[in-house]
Amino acid sequence: MNDATLPGQRRRSVAVMVGPVQVGGGALIVVQSMTNTDTADVDATVRQVAELARTGSELVRITVNTGAAAAAVPHIRERLDAQGIQLPLIGDFH
């Protein structure tokens, strides 16, 4: 067993920035969530992302599985920005 697999040990990784959030490279663990709304439903997705942000999520993933979902993403981002919610959105493309 090497050091990277011992309980309580973290493997080495390269730091990357996802918007203002550092992931890897010794950064603290980041809370990530995923919506379960239809991303094409802008109102529902914005409500859920806002709730996740208020409860501590630092990154939120949204499914982008249709053209309508892809078209909704800029509107979701605009509405979140208008509410002062700056957490990064991560698209899960299918």
PDB file of N, CA and C in Angstrom:
ATOM      1  N   MET A   1       0.862  -1.182   0.000  1.00  0.00           N
ATOM      2  CA  MET A   1       0.000   0.000   0.000  1.00  0.00           C
ATOM      3  C   MET A   1       0.901   1.235   0.000  1.00  0.00           C
ATOM      4  N   ASN A   2       0.635   2.166  -0.906  1.00  0.00           N
ATOM      5  CA  ASN A   2       1.434   3.391  -0.906  1.00  0.00           C
ATOM      6  C   ASN A   2       0.737   4.486  -0.104  1.00  0.00           C
ATOM      7  N   ASP A   3       1.443   5.578   0.136  1.00  0.00           N
ATOM      8  CA  ASP A   3       0.909   6.656   0.977  1.00  0.00           C
ATOM      9  C   ASP A   3      -0.406   7.213   0.467  1.00  0.00           C
ATOM     10  N   ALA A   4      -0.610   7.206  -0.861  1.00  0.00           N
ATOM     11  CA  ALA A   4      -1.812   7.810  -1.423  1.00  0.00           C
ATOM     12  C   ALA A   4      -3.070   7.002  -1.094  1.00  0.00           C
ATOM     13  N   THR A   5      -2.923   5.765  -0.643  1.00  0.00           N
ATOM     14  CA  THR A   5      -4.101   4.953  -0.371  1.00  0.00           C
ATOM     15  C   THR A   5      -4.357   4.740   1.120  1.00  0.00           C
ATOM     16  N   LEU A   6      -3.550   5.308   1.969  1.00  0.00           N
ATOM     17  CA  LEU A   6      -3.763   5.179   3.403  1.00  0.00           C
ATOM     18  C   LEU A   6      -4.973   6.006   3.834  1.00  0.00           C
ATOM     19  N   PRO A   7      -5.748   5.510   4.794  1.00  0.00           N
ATOM     20  CA  PRO A   7      -6.883   6.307   5.282  1.00  0.00           C
ATOM     21  C   PRO A   7      -6.419   7.685   5.742  1.00  0.00           C
ATOM     22  N   GLY A   8      -7.187   8.694   5.381  1.00  0.00           N
ATOM     23  CA  GLY A   8      -6.861  10.054   5.786  1.00  0.00           C
ATOM     24  C   GLY A   8      -5.865  10.753   4.878  1.00  0.00           C
ATOM     25  N   GLN A   9      -5.328  10.036   3.923  1.00  0.00           N
ATOM     26  CA  GLN A   9      -4.366  10.622   2.989  1.00  0.00           C
ATOM     27  C   GLN A   9      -5.084  10.985   1.689  1.00  0.00           C
ATOM     28  N   ARG A  10      -4.641  12.055   1.069  1.00  0.00           N
ATOM     29  CA  ARG A  10      -5.195  12.458  -0.233  1.00  0.00           C
ATOM     30  C   ARG A  10      -4.108  12.296  -1.276  1.00  0.00           C
ATOM     31  N   ARG A  11      -4.496  11.846  -2.435  1.00  0.00           N
ATOM     32  CA  ARG A  11      -3.508  11.716  -3.503  1.00  0.00           C
ATOM     33  C   ARG A  11      -3.167  13.095  -4.034  1.00  0.00           C
ATOM     34  N   ARG A  12      -1.974  13.221  -4.585  1.00  0.00           N
ATOM     35  CA  ARG A  12      -1.558  14.496  -5.153  1.00  0.00           C
ATOM     36  C   ARG A  12      -2.321  14.758  -6.439  1.00  0.00           C
ATOM     37  N   SER A  13      -2.671  16.011  -6.642  1.00  0.00           N
ATOM     38  CA  SER A  13      -3.374  16.399  -7.857  1.00  0.00           C
ATOM     39  C   SER A  13      -2.990  17.824  -8.225  1.00  0.00           C
ATOM     40  N   VAL A  14      -3.309  18.177  -9.434  1.00  0.00           N
ATOM     41  CA  VAL A  14      -3.024  19.515  -9.939  1.00  0.00           C
ATOM     42  C   VAL A  14      -4.198  20.428  -9.573  1.00  0.00           C
ATOM     43  N   ALA A  15      -3.897  21.616  -9.126  1.00  0.00           N
ATOM     44  CA  ALA A  15      -4.948  22.588  -8.800  1.00  0.00           C
ATOM     45  C   ALA A  15      -5.518  23.175 -10.084  1.00  0.00           C
ATOM     46  N   VAL A  16      -6.835  23.281 -10.138  1.00  0.00           N
ATOM     47  CA  VAL A  16      -7.510  23.972 -11.231  1.00  0.00           C
ATOM     48  C   VAL A  16      -8.537  24.917 -10.622  1.00  0.00           C
ATOM     49  N   MET A  17      -8.797  25.975 -11.332  1.00  0.00           N
ATOM     50  CA  MET A  17      -9.808  26.925 -10.891  1.00  0.00           C
ATOM     51  C   MET A  17     -11.076  26.705 -11.704  1.00  0.00           C
ATOM     52  N   VAL A  18     -12.190  26.552 -11.016  1.00  0.00           N
ATOM     53  CA  VAL A  18     -13.504  26.477 -11.647  1.00  0.00           C
ATOM     54  C   VAL A  18     -14.189  27.767 -11.230  1.00  0.00           C
ATOM     55  N   GLY A  19     -14.070  28.783 -12.086  1.00  0.00           N
ATOM     56  CA  GLY A  19     -14.483  30.111 -11.675  1.00  0.00           C
ATOM     57  C   GLY A  19     -13.593  30.522 -10.509  1.00  0.00           C
ATOM     58  N   PRO A  20     -14.180  30.978  -9.417  1.00  0.00           N
ATOM     59  CA  PRO A  20     -13.371  31.393  -8.265  1.00  0.00           C
ATOM     60  C   PRO A  20     -13.041  30.256  -7.295  1.00  0.00           C
ATOM     61  N   VAL A  21     -13.441  29.032  -7.620  1.00  0.00           N
ATOM     62  CA  VAL A  21     -13.294  27.897  -6.711  1.00  0.00           C
ATOM     63  C   VAL A  21     -12.099  27.042  -7.133  1.00  0.00           C
ATOM     64  N   GLN A  22     -11.150  26.840  -6.206  1.00  0.00           N
ATOM     65  CA  GLN A  22     -10.011  25.965  -6.492  1.00  0.00           C
ATOM     66  C   GLN A  22     -10.394  24.527  -6.167  1.00  0.00           C
ATOM     67  N   VAL A  23     -10.068  23.638  -7.100  1.00  0.00           N
ATOM     68  CA  VAL A  23     -10.304  22.212  -6.924  1.00  0.00           C
ATOM     69  C   VAL A  23      -8.966  21.508  -7.092  1.00  0.00           C
ATOM     70  N   GLY A  24      -8.634  20.619  -6.175  1.00  0.00           N
ATOM     71  CA  GLY A  24      -7.390  19.861  -6.258  1.00  0.00           C
ATOM     72  C   GLY A  24      -6.205  20.659  -5.759  1.00  0.00           C
ATOM     73  N   GLY A  25      -5.009  20.064  -5.898  1.00  0.00           N
ATOM     74  CA  GLY A  25      -3.781  20.739  -5.517  1.00  0.00           C
ATOM     75  C   GLY A  25      -3.690  21.092  -4.047  1.00  0.00           C
ATOM     76  N   GLY A  26      -4.302  20.312  -3.199  1.00  0.00           N
ATOM     77  CA  GLY A  26      -4.233  20.592  -1.767  1.00  0.00           C
ATOM     78  C   GLY A  26      -5.316  21.515  -1.258  1.00  0.00           C
ATOM     79  N   ALA A  27      -6.215  21.968  -2.143  1.00  0.00           N
ATOM     80  CA  ALA A  27      -7.318  22.830  -1.703  1.00  0.00           C
ATOM     81  C   ALA A  27      -8.249  22.049  -0.775  1.00  0.00           C
ATOM     82  N   LEU A  28      -8.988  22.771   0.014  1.00  0.00           N
ATOM     83  CA  LEU A  28      -9.999  22.128   0.842  1.00  0.00           C
ATOM     84  C   LEU A  28     -11.013  21.421  -0.049  1.00  0.00           C
ATOM     85  N   ILE A  29     -11.677  20.428   0.498  1.00  0.00           N
ATOM     86  CA  ILE A  29     -12.712  19.714  -0.245  1.00  0.00           C
ATOM     87  C   ILE A  29     -13.858  20.677  -0.538  1.00  0.00           C
ATOM     88  N   VAL A  30     -14.395  20.591  -1.755  1.00  0.00           N
ATOM     89  CA  VAL A  30     -15.442  21.494  -2.219  1.00  0.00           C
ATOM     90  C   VAL A  30     -16.770  20.744  -2.268  1.00  0.00           C
ATOM     91  N   VAL A  31     -17.834  21.403  -1.818  1.00  0.00           N
ATOM     92  CA  VAL A  31     -19.166  20.813  -1.866  1.00  0.00           C
ATOM     93  C   VAL A  31     -19.747  21.029  -3.258  1.00  0.00           C
ATOM     94  N   GLN A  32     -20.121  19.909  -3.887  1.00  0.00           N
ATOM     95  CA  GLN A  32     -20.662  19.929  -5.244  1.00  0.00           C
ATOM     96  C   GLN A  32     -22.031  19.263  -5.222  1.00  0.00           C
ATOM     97  N   SER A  33     -22.975  19.844  -5.967  1.00  0.00           N
ATOM     98  CA  SER A  33     -24.320  19.279  -6.055  1.00  0.00           C
ATOM     99  C   SER A  33     -24.728  19.227  -7.508  1.00  0.00           C
ATOM    100  N   MET A  34     -25.820  18.502  -7.763  1.00  0.00           N
ATOM    101  CA  MET A  34     -26.379  18.450  -9.109  1.00  0.00           C
ATOM    102  C   MET A  34     -27.879  18.641  -9.024  1.00  0.00           C
ATOM    103  N   THR A  35     -28.397  19.437  -9.944  1.00  0.00           N
ATOM    104  CA  THR A  35     -29.837  19.662  -9.961  1.00  0.00           C
ATOM    105  C   THR A  35     -30.549  18.405 -10.468  1.00  0.00           C
ATOM    106  N   ASN A  36     -31.829  18.300 -10.135  1.00  0.00           N
ATOM    107  CA  ASN A  36     -32.648  17.227 -10.696  1.00  0.00           C
ATOM    108  C   ASN A  36     -33.826  17.800 -11.469  1.00  0.00           C
ATOM    109  N   THR A  37     -33.697  19.055 -11.858  1.00  0.00           N
ATOM    110  CA  THR A  37     -34.738  19.708 -12.657  1.00  0.00           C
ATOM    111  C   THR A  37     -34.461  19.472 -14.135  1.00  0.00           C
ATOM    112  N   ASP A  38     -35.468  19.729 -14.961  1.00  0.00           N
ATOM    113  CA  ASP A  38     -35.267  19.787 -16.406  1.00  0.00           C
ATOM    114  C   ASP A  38     -34.593  21.130 -16.652  1.00  0.00           C
ATOM    115  N   THR A  39     -33.364  21.117 -17.129  1.00  0.00           N
ATOM    116  CA  THR A  39     -32.598  22.361 -17.294  1.00  0.00           C
ATOM    117  C   THR A  39     -33.302  23.331 -18.238  1.00  0.00           C
ATOM    118  N   ALA A  40     -34.107  22.823 -19.152  1.00  0.00           N
ATOM    119  CA  ALA A  40     -34.868  23.700 -20.046  1.00  0.00           C
ATOM    120  C   ALA A  40     -35.907  24.517 -19.275  1.00  0.00           C
ATOM    121  N   ASP A  41     -36.272  24.078 -18.077  1.00  0.00           N
ATOM    122  CA  ASP A  41     -37.193  24.822 -17.216  1.00  0.00           C
ATOM    123  C   ASP A  41     -36.354  25.809 -16.402  1.00  0.00           C
ATOM    124  N   VAL A  42     -36.195  26.997 -16.955  1.00  0.00           N
ATOM    125  CA  VAL A  42     -35.308  28.012 -16.363  1.00  0.00           C
ATOM    126  C   VAL A  42     -35.735  28.353 -14.945  1.00  0.00           C
ATOM    127  N   ASP A  43     -37.025  28.588 -14.736  1.00  0.00           N
ATOM    128  CA  ASP A  43     -37.497  28.986 -13.404  1.00  0.00           C
ATOM    129  C   ASP A  43     -37.168  27.927 -12.346  1.00  0.00           C
ATOM    130  N   ALA A  44     -37.487  26.668 -12.631  1.00  0.00           N
ATOM    131  CA  ALA A  44     -37.248  25.597 -11.665  1.00  0.00           C
ATOM    132  C   ALA A  44     -35.758  25.405 -11.403  1.00  0.00           C
ATOM    133  N   THR A  45     -34.957  25.501 -12.461  1.00  0.00           N
ATOM    134  CA  THR A  45     -33.517  25.285 -12.298  1.00  0.00           C
ATOM    135  C   THR A  45     -32.890  26.420 -11.506  1.00  0.00           C
ATOM    136  N   VAL A  46     -33.293  27.650 -11.777  1.00  0.00           N
ATOM    137  CA  VAL A  46     -32.769  28.788 -11.020  1.00  0.00           C
ATOM    138  C   VAL A  46     -33.146  28.649  -9.547  1.00  0.00           C
ATOM    139  N   ARG A  47     -34.396  28.282  -9.263  1.00  0.00           N
ATOM    140  CA  ARG A  47     -34.824  28.100  -7.861  1.00  0.00           C
ATOM    141  C   ARG A  47     -33.971  27.037  -7.171  1.00  0.00           C
ATOM    142  N   GLN A  48     -33.743  25.919  -7.858  1.00  0.00           N
ATOM    143  CA  GLN A  48     -32.994  24.850  -7.219  1.00  0.00           C
ATOM    144  C   GLN A  48     -31.520  25.211  -7.029  1.00  0.00           C
ATOM    145  N   VAL A  49     -30.910  25.839  -8.017  1.00  0.00           N
ATOM    146  CA  VAL A  49     -29.508  26.257  -7.879  1.00  0.00           C
ATOM    147  C   VAL A  49     -29.384  27.271  -6.743  1.00  0.00           C
ATOM    148  N   ALA A  50     -30.311  28.213  -6.658  1.00  0.00           N
ATOM    149  CA  ALA A  50     -30.274  29.212  -5.583  1.00  0.00           C
ATOM    150  C   ALA A  50     -30.388  28.539  -4.218  1.00  0.00           C
ATOM    151  N   GLU A  51     -31.274  27.551  -4.107  1.00  0.00           N
ATOM    152  CA  GLU A  51     -31.420  26.834  -2.842  1.00  0.00           C
ATOM    153  C   GLU A  51     -30.141  26.065  -2.496  1.00  0.00           C
ATOM    154  N   LEU A  52     -29.548  25.416  -3.485  1.00  0.00           N
ATOM    155  CA  LEU A  52     -28.299  24.691  -3.254  1.00  0.00           C
ATOM    156  C   LEU A  52     -27.194  25.647  -2.805  1.00  0.00           C
ATOM    157  N   ALA A  53     -27.143  26.821  -3.428  1.00  0.00           N
ATOM    158  CA  ALA A  53     -26.129  27.812  -3.050  1.00  0.00           C
ATOM    159  C   ALA A  53     -26.331  28.264  -1.608  1.00  0.00           C
ATOM    160  N   ARG A  54     -27.574  28.513  -1.233  1.00  0.00           N
ATOM    161  CA  ARG A  54     -27.874  28.953   0.137  1.00  0.00           C
ATOM    162  C   ARG A  54     -27.539  27.890   1.173  1.00  0.00           C
ATOM    163  N   THR A  55     -27.596  26.625   0.781  1.00  0.00           N
ATOM    164  CA  THR A  55     -27.338  25.548   1.737  1.00  0.00           C
ATOM    165  C   THR A  55     -25.893  25.065   1.707  1.00  0.00           C
ATOM    166  N   GLY A  56     -25.026  25.773   0.959  1.00  0.00           N
ATOM    167  CA  GLY A  56     -23.608  25.480   1.055  1.00  0.00           C
ATOM    168  C   GLY A  56     -22.916  24.886  -0.153  1.00  0.00           C
ATOM    169  N   SER A  57     -23.638  24.605  -1.220  1.00  0.00           N
ATOM    170  CA  SER A  57     -22.964  24.098  -2.415  1.00  0.00           C
ATOM    171  C   SER A  57     -22.047  25.175  -2.975  1.00  0.00           C
ATOM    172  N   GLU A  58     -20.869  24.747  -3.410  1.00  0.00           N
ATOM    173  CA  GLU A  58     -19.895  25.681  -3.976  1.00  0.00           C
ATOM    174  C   GLU A  58     -19.777  25.536  -5.489  1.00  0.00           C
ATOM    175  N   LEU A  59     -20.207  24.401  -6.016  1.00  0.00           N
ATOM    176  CA  LEU A  59     -20.295  24.129  -7.447  1.00  0.00           C
ATOM    177  C   LEU A  59     -21.627  23.429  -7.677  1.00  0.00           C
ATOM    178  N   VAL A  60     -22.300  23.731  -8.786  1.00  0.00           N
ATOM    179  CA  VAL A  60     -23.552  23.043  -9.104  1.00  0.00           C
ATOM    180  C   VAL A  60     -23.499  22.566 -10.545  1.00  0.00           C
ATOM    181  N   ARG A  61     -23.819  21.277 -10.713  1.00  0.00           N
ATOM    182  CA  ARG A  61     -23.866  20.667 -12.040  1.00  0.00           C
ATOM    183  C   ARG A  61     -25.297  20.671 -12.543  1.00  0.00           C
ATOM    184  N   ILE A  62     -25.448  20.941 -13.835  1.00  0.00           N
ATOM    185  CA  ILE A  62     -26.754  20.892 -14.485  1.00  0.00           C
ATOM    186  C   ILE A  62     -26.634  20.014 -15.727  1.00  0.00           C
ATOM    187  N   THR A  63     -27.687  19.268 -16.032  1.00  0.00           N
ATOM    188  CA  THR A  63     -27.695  18.403 -17.205  1.00  0.00           C
ATOM    189  C   THR A  63     -27.987  19.228 -18.450  1.00  0.00           C
ATOM    190  N   VAL A  64     -27.178  19.019 -19.474  1.00  0.00           N
ATOM    191  CA  VAL A  64     -27.410  19.670 -20.766  1.00  0.00           C
ATOM    192  C   VAL A  64     -27.532  18.543 -21.790  1.00  0.00           C
ATOM    193  N   ASN A  65     -28.761  18.051 -21.937  1.00  0.00           N
ATOM    194  CA  ASN A  65     -28.983  16.869 -22.764  1.00  0.00           C
ATOM    195  C   ASN A  65     -29.842  17.109 -23.991  1.00  0.00           C
ATOM    196  N   THR A  66     -30.299  18.341 -24.157  1.00  0.00           N
ATOM    197  CA  THR A  66     -31.109  18.690 -25.326  1.00  0.00           C
ATOM    198  C   THR A  66     -30.747  20.093 -25.793  1.00  0.00           C
ATOM    199  N   GLY A  67     -31.174  20.437 -26.988  1.00  0.00           N
ATOM    200  CA  GLY A  67     -30.971  21.792 -27.482  1.00  0.00           C
ATOM    201  C   GLY A  67     -31.666  22.824 -26.610  1.00  0.00           C
ATOM    202  N   ALA A  68     -32.859  22.467 -26.116  1.00  0.00           N
ATOM    203  CA  ALA A  68     -33.600  23.394 -25.250  1.00  0.00           C
ATOM    204  C   ALA A  68     -32.844  23.628 -23.938  1.00  0.00           C
ATOM    205  N   ALA A  69     -32.239  22.585 -23.395  1.00  0.00           N
ATOM    206  CA  ALA A  69     -31.460  22.740 -22.166  1.00  0.00           C
ATOM    207  C   ALA A  69     -30.246  23.625 -22.418  1.00  0.00           C
ATOM    208  N   ALA A  70     -29.578  23.414 -23.538  1.00  0.00           N
ATOM    209  CA  ALA A  70     -28.407  24.238 -23.871  1.00  0.00           C
ATOM    210  C   ALA A  70     -28.814  25.699 -24.041  1.00  0.00           C
ATOM    211  N   ALA A  71     -29.951  25.935 -24.679  1.00  0.00           N
ATOM    212  CA  ALA A  71     -30.425  27.307 -24.888  1.00  0.00           C
ATOM    213  C   ALA A  71     -30.803  27.980 -23.570  1.00  0.00           C
ATOM    214  N   ALA A  72     -31.180  27.192 -22.571  1.00  0.00           N
ATOM    215  CA  ALA A  72     -31.596  27.755 -21.281  1.00  0.00           C
ATOM    216  C   ALA A  72     -30.420  28.195 -20.418  1.00  0.00           C
ATOM    217  N   VAL A  73     -29.247  27.606 -20.635  1.00  0.00           N
ATOM    218  CA  VAL A  73     -28.106  27.869 -19.750  1.00  0.00           C
ATOM    219  C   VAL A  73     -27.775  29.354 -19.610  1.00  0.00           C
ATOM    220  N   PRO A  74     -27.665  30.127 -20.701  1.00  0.00           N
ATOM    221  CA  PRO A  74     -27.348  31.558 -20.512  1.00  0.00           C
ATOM    222  C   PRO A  74     -28.415  32.297 -19.694  1.00  0.00           C
ATOM    223  N   HIS A  75     -29.665  31.897 -19.838  1.00  0.00           N
ATOM    224  CA  HIS A  75     -30.749  32.550 -19.087  1.00  0.00           C
ATOM    225  C   HIS A  75     -30.664  32.190 -17.600  1.00  0.00           C
ATOM    226  N   ILE A  76     -30.303  30.948 -17.327  1.00  0.00           N
ATOM    227  CA  ILE A  76     -30.118  30.526 -15.938  1.00  0.00           C
ATOM    228  C   ILE A  76     -28.988  31.337 -15.300  1.00  0.00           C
ATOM    229  N   ARG A  77     -27.870  31.444 -16.014  1.00  0.00           N
ATOM    230  CA  ARG A  77     -26.718  32.199 -15.496  1.00  0.00           C
ATOM    231  C   ARG A  77     -27.092  33.661 -15.257  1.00  0.00           C
ATOM    232  N   GLU A  78     -27.817  34.269 -16.195  1.00  0.00           N
ATOM    233  CA  GLU A  78     -28.223  35.679 -16.054  1.00  0.00           C
ATOM    234  C   GLU A  78     -29.090  35.875 -14.818  1.00  0.00           C
ATOM    235  N   ARG A  79     -30.040  34.986 -14.605  1.00  0.00           N
ATOM    236  CA  ARG A  79     -30.939  35.129 -13.453  1.00  0.00           C
ATOM    237  C   ARG A  79     -30.195  34.924 -12.133  1.00  0.00           C
ATOM    238  N   LEU A  80     -29.282  33.960 -12.123  1.00  0.00           N
ATOM    239  CA  LEU A  80     -28.488  33.750 -10.909  1.00  0.00           C
ATOM    240  C   LEU A  80     -27.621  34.970 -10.626  1.00  0.00           C
ATOM    241  N   ASP A  81     -26.978  35.509 -11.658  1.00  0.00           N
ATOM    242  CA  ASP A  81     -26.162  36.711 -11.485  1.00  0.00           C
ATOM    243  C   ASP A  81     -26.994  37.858 -10.935  1.00  0.00           C
ATOM    244  N   ALA A  82     -28.232  38.010 -11.449  1.00  0.00           N
ATOM    245  CA  ALA A  82     -29.112  39.087 -10.985  1.00  0.00           C
ATOM    246  C   ALA A  82     -29.453  38.933  -9.504  1.00  0.00           C
ATOM    247  N   GLN A  83     -29.411  37.697  -9.002  1.00  0.00           N
ATOM    248  CA  GLN A  83     -29.678  37.434  -7.587  1.00  0.00           C
ATOM    249  C   GLN A  83     -28.395  37.470  -6.749  1.00  0.00           C
ATOM    250  N   GLY A  84     -27.267  37.734  -7.407  1.00  0.00           N
ATOM    251  CA  GLY A  84     -26.001  37.783  -6.689  1.00  0.00           C
ATOM    252  C   GLY A  84     -25.420  36.409  -6.391  1.00  0.00           C
ATOM    253  N   ILE A  85     -25.875  35.398  -7.101  1.00  0.00           N
ATOM    254  CA  ILE A  85     -25.397  34.023  -6.895  1.00  0.00           C
ATOM    255  C   ILE A  85     -24.311  33.751  -7.927  1.00  0.00           C
ATOM    256  N   GLN A  86     -23.071  33.708  -7.441  1.00  0.00           N
ATOM    257  CA  GLN A  86     -21.913  33.648  -8.335  1.00  0.00           C
ATOM    258  C   GLN A  86     -21.289  32.262  -8.446  1.00  0.00           C
ATOM    259  N   LEU A  87     -21.854  31.233  -7.807  1.00  0.00           N
ATOM    260  CA  LEU A  87     -21.201  29.944  -7.854  1.00  0.00           C
ATOM    261  C   LEU A  87     -21.145  29.398  -9.275  1.00  0.00           C
ATOM    262  N   PRO A  88     -20.087  28.658  -9.595  1.00  0.00           N
ATOM    263  CA  PRO A  88     -19.957  28.108 -10.943  1.00  0.00           C
ATOM    264  C   PRO A  88     -21.014  27.062 -11.262  1.00  0.00           C
ATOM    265  N   LEU A  89     -21.506  27.102 -12.491  1.00  0.00           N
ATOM    266  CA  LEU A  89     -22.369  26.063 -13.026  1.00  0.00           C
ATOM    267  C   LEU A  89     -21.511  25.164 -13.897  1.00  0.00           C
ATOM    268  N   ILE A  90     -21.690  23.877 -13.774  1.00  0.00           N
ATOM    269  CA  ILE A  90     -20.942  22.916 -14.570  1.00  0.00           C
ATOM    270  C   ILE A  90     -21.942  22.146 -15.413  1.00  0.00           C
ATOM    271  N   GLY A  91     -21.778  22.178 -16.721  1.00  0.00           N
ATOM    272  CA  GLY A  91     -22.680  21.463 -17.612  1.00  0.00           C
ATOM    273  C   GLY A  91     -22.284  20.009 -17.750  1.00  0.00           C
ATOM    274  N   ASP A  92     -23.207  19.098 -17.459  1.00  0.00           N
ATOM    275  CA  ASP A  92     -23.030  17.673 -17.744  1.00  0.00           C
ATOM    276  C   ASP A  92     -23.685  17.432 -19.097  1.00  0.00           C
ATOM    277  N   PHE A  93     -22.862  17.302 -20.113  1.00  0.00           N
ATOM    278  CA  PHE A  93     -23.369  17.160 -21.478  1.00  0.00           C
ATOM    279  C   PHE A  93     -23.562  15.686 -21.803  1.00  0.00           C
ATOM    280  N   HIS A  94     -24.729  15.372 -22.343  1.00  0.00           N
ATOM    281  CA  HIS A  94     -25.062  13.991 -22.698  1.00  0.00           C
ATOM    282  C   HIS A  94     -25.328  13.885 -24.181  1.00  0.00           C
TER     283      HIS A  94
END
